[in-house]
Amino acid sequence: MLNQDSQLVYEVLRSLTGDDDVYKIIEAEEVLERLPKNKQFSKVQLSSIVRDLKDRDYINVKYFTPDEYCLLTLKRFDNVEAVPQKQVQKEKPGKQERVLYEQPTEKVVKPVKKRMVFFMAFLGGLLGSAIVAAVAILIVKFAL
């Protein structure tokens, strides 16, 4: 829940940015002009409140300086009361999607034998040395 100053600044920012989900550039003077006369802040205090709103995910801020802000106000519903479950069921008659809650199957990992690891490492080494020998022969035959 926000304190009164933050709530007031949030409402002013929301009125300036609108509900179209687009980042808007707002000058600090615009915000300070729309505040009531009994609640006047300095630009530093306003920046602090904007930073607090950003940290609490009430607004998204691309950048801000002491004189201007590029921000987007998010829709937050802190004071929404929970709707009883019976009303929700009455409002949505018809087929409801069934959800199955099954345990995910675990992958079975087969243990690797030591002989197989040795054999594959040996083949890899043999193949690598054969490639190096072929390149060396080609270099000696055509370069020298």
Protein backbone atom coordinates (compact mmCIF):
# COMPACT_ATOMS: atom_id res chain seq x y z
CA MET A 1 0.00 0.00 0.00
CA LEU A 2 1.27 3.45 -0.86
CA ASN A 3 1.48 6.42 1.44
CA GLN A 4 -0.58 9.51 0.64
CA ASP A 5 2.19 11.40 -1.17
CA SER A 6 3.06 8.46 -3.39
CA GLN A 7 -0.62 7.79 -4.11
CA LEU A 8 -1.12 11.43 -5.09
CA VAL A 9 1.90 11.44 -7.44
CA TYR A 10 0.79 8.10 -8.91
CA GLU A 11 -2.66 9.49 -9.70
CA VAL A 12 -1.14 12.57 -11.33
CA LEU A 13 1.23 10.41 -13.41
CA ARG A 14 -1.66 8.16 -14.40
CA SER A 15 -3.71 11.15 -15.55
CA LEU A 16 -0.76 12.43 -17.60
CA THR A 17 0.17 9.11 -19.24
CA GLY A 18 -3.32 7.74 -19.83
CA ASP A 19 -4.31 4.10 -20.26
CA ASP A 20 -2.90 3.36 -23.71
CA ASP A 21 0.17 1.38 -22.49
CA VAL A 22 2.68 3.65 -24.24
CA TYR A 23 5.74 5.22 -22.64
CA LYS A 24 5.33 8.98 -22.31
CA ILE A 25 7.88 11.69 -21.64
CA ILE A 26 6.69 13.85 -18.77
CA GLU A 27 8.43 16.91 -17.39
CA ALA A 28 8.72 17.34 -13.64
CA GLU A 29 7.13 20.78 -13.91
CA GLU A 30 3.96 19.22 -15.36
CA VAL A 31 3.64 16.91 -12.38
CA LEU A 32 4.37 19.67 -9.87
CA GLU A 33 1.76 21.95 -11.48
CA ARG A 34 -0.97 19.33 -11.16
CA LEU A 35 -0.34 18.70 -7.48
CA PRO A 36 -2.64 20.47 -4.99
CA LYS A 37 -1.36 23.70 -3.45
CA ASN A 38 -1.08 22.14 0.01
CA LYS A 39 1.16 19.34 -1.33
CA GLN A 40 4.15 20.86 -3.09
CA PHE A 41 7.35 18.85 -3.54
CA SER A 42 10.80 19.71 -4.78
CA LYS A 43 12.20 17.95 -7.84
CA VAL A 44 14.43 15.82 -5.60
CA GLN A 45 11.44 14.68 -3.53
CA LEU A 46 9.49 13.98 -6.71
CA SER A 47 12.39 11.89 -8.07
CA SER A 48 12.45 9.95 -4.81
CA ILE A 49 8.73 9.22 -5.05
CA VAL A 50 9.06 8.17 -8.71
CA ARG A 51 11.92 5.83 -7.78
CA ASP A 52 9.78 4.36 -4.99
CA LEU A 53 6.86 3.82 -7.39
CA LYS A 54 9.25 2.13 -9.84
CA ASP A 55 10.60 -0.17 -7.11
CA ARG A 56 7.08 -1.17 -6.11
CA ASP A 57 6.11 -1.90 -9.76
CA TYR A 58 3.50 0.81 -10.04
CA ILE A 59 5.32 2.34 -13.02
CA ASN A 60 7.89 1.23 -15.59
CA VAL A 61 10.64 3.77 -16.19
CA LYS A 62 12.87 3.78 -19.27
CA TYR A 63 14.90 6.72 -18.00
CA PHE A 64 14.52 9.69 -15.74
CA THR A 65 16.41 12.85 -14.98
CA PRO A 66 15.55 15.43 -12.35
CA ASP A 67 13.68 17.42 -15.02
CA GLU A 68 11.91 14.74 -17.10
CA TYR A 69 10.72 11.16 -16.94
CA CYS A 70 10.00 8.57 -19.63
CA LEU A 71 7.55 6.22 -17.97
CA LEU A 72 4.52 4.00 -18.28
CA THR A 73 1.99 3.66 -15.48
CA LEU A 74 0.85 0.14 -14.74
CA LYS A 75 -2.64 -0.87 -13.70
CA ARG A 76 -2.56 -1.89 -10.06
CA PHE A 77 -5.56 -2.96 -8.06
CA ASP A 78 -4.57 -2.95 -4.40
CA ASN A 79 -8.04 -2.30 -3.02
CA VAL A 80 -9.93 -4.95 -4.99
CA GLU A 81 -12.05 -7.18 -2.79
CA ALA A 82 -12.03 -10.89 -3.37
CA VAL A 83 -15.11 -12.22 -5.17
CA PRO A 84 -16.70 -15.22 -3.43
CA GLN A 85 -16.24 -18.50 -5.25
CA LYS A 86 -19.99 -19.22 -5.44
CA GLN A 87 -20.63 -16.06 -7.44
CA VAL A 88 -17.91 -16.92 -9.91
CA GLN A 89 -19.41 -20.35 -10.54
CA LYS A 90 -22.87 -18.90 -11.09
CA GLU A 91 -21.57 -16.28 -13.51
CA LYS A 92 -19.77 -18.83 -15.71
CA PRO A 93 -22.25 -21.55 -16.63
CA GLY A 94 -21.27 -24.03 -19.28
CA LYS A 95 -18.34 -26.28 -19.88
CA GLN A 96 -15.26 -25.69 -17.85
CA GLU A 97 -11.87 -26.93 -18.84
CA ARG A 98 -10.61 -29.96 -16.96
CA VAL A 99 -7.15 -29.73 -15.54
CA LEU A 100 -5.19 -32.86 -14.81
CA TYR A 101 -2.55 -32.66 -12.15
CA GLU A 102 -0.17 -35.49 -12.91
CA GLN A 103 3.30 -36.03 -11.62
CA PRO A 104 5.87 -35.31 -14.32
CA THR A 105 7.73 -38.40 -15.44
CA GLU A 106 11.38 -38.46 -14.56
CA LYS A 107 13.98 -39.30 -17.16
CA VAL A 108 15.74 -42.56 -16.54
CA VAL A 109 19.48 -42.17 -16.81
CA LYS A 110 21.36 -45.35 -17.63
CA PRO A 111 24.73 -45.73 -15.96
CA VAL A 112 27.68 -45.63 -18.35
CA LYS A 113 30.20 -48.45 -18.21
CA LYS A 114 33.86 -47.59 -17.78
CA ARG A 115 34.87 -49.79 -20.71
CA MET A 116 32.58 -47.87 -23.07
CA VAL A 117 34.04 -44.54 -21.96
CA PHE A 118 37.58 -45.82 -22.51
CA PHE A 119 36.67 -47.21 -25.97
CA MET A 120 35.05 -43.95 -27.12
CA ALA A 121 37.99 -41.88 -25.84
CA PHE A 122 40.41 -44.20 -27.65
CA LEU A 123 38.46 -43.90 -30.93
CA GLY A 124 38.34 -40.11 -30.59
CA GLY A 125 42.06 -39.91 -30.06
CA LEU A 126 42.71 -42.25 -33.01
CA LEU A 127 40.45 -40.22 -35.31
CA GLY A 128 42.02 -36.91 -34.21
CA SER A 129 45.56 -38.15 -34.80
CA ALA A 130 44.56 -39.50 -38.24
CA ILE A 131 43.20 -36.08 -39.24
CA VAL A 132 46.36 -34.33 -38.02
CA ALA A 133 48.55 -36.83 -39.93
CA ALA A 134 46.53 -36.31 -43.15
CA VAL A 135 46.86 -32.52 -42.89
CA ALA A 136 50.58 -32.83 -42.22
CA ILE A 137 51.06 -35.06 -45.30
CA LEU A 138 49.15 -32.60 -47.49
CA ILE A 139 51.24 -29.68 -46.23
CA VAL A 140 54.52 -31.53 -46.84
CA LYS A 141 53.47 -32.77 -50.29
CA PHE A 142 52.09 -29.49 -51.70
CA ALA A 143 53.89 -26.79 -49.71
CA LEU A 144 57.40 -28.11 -49.88
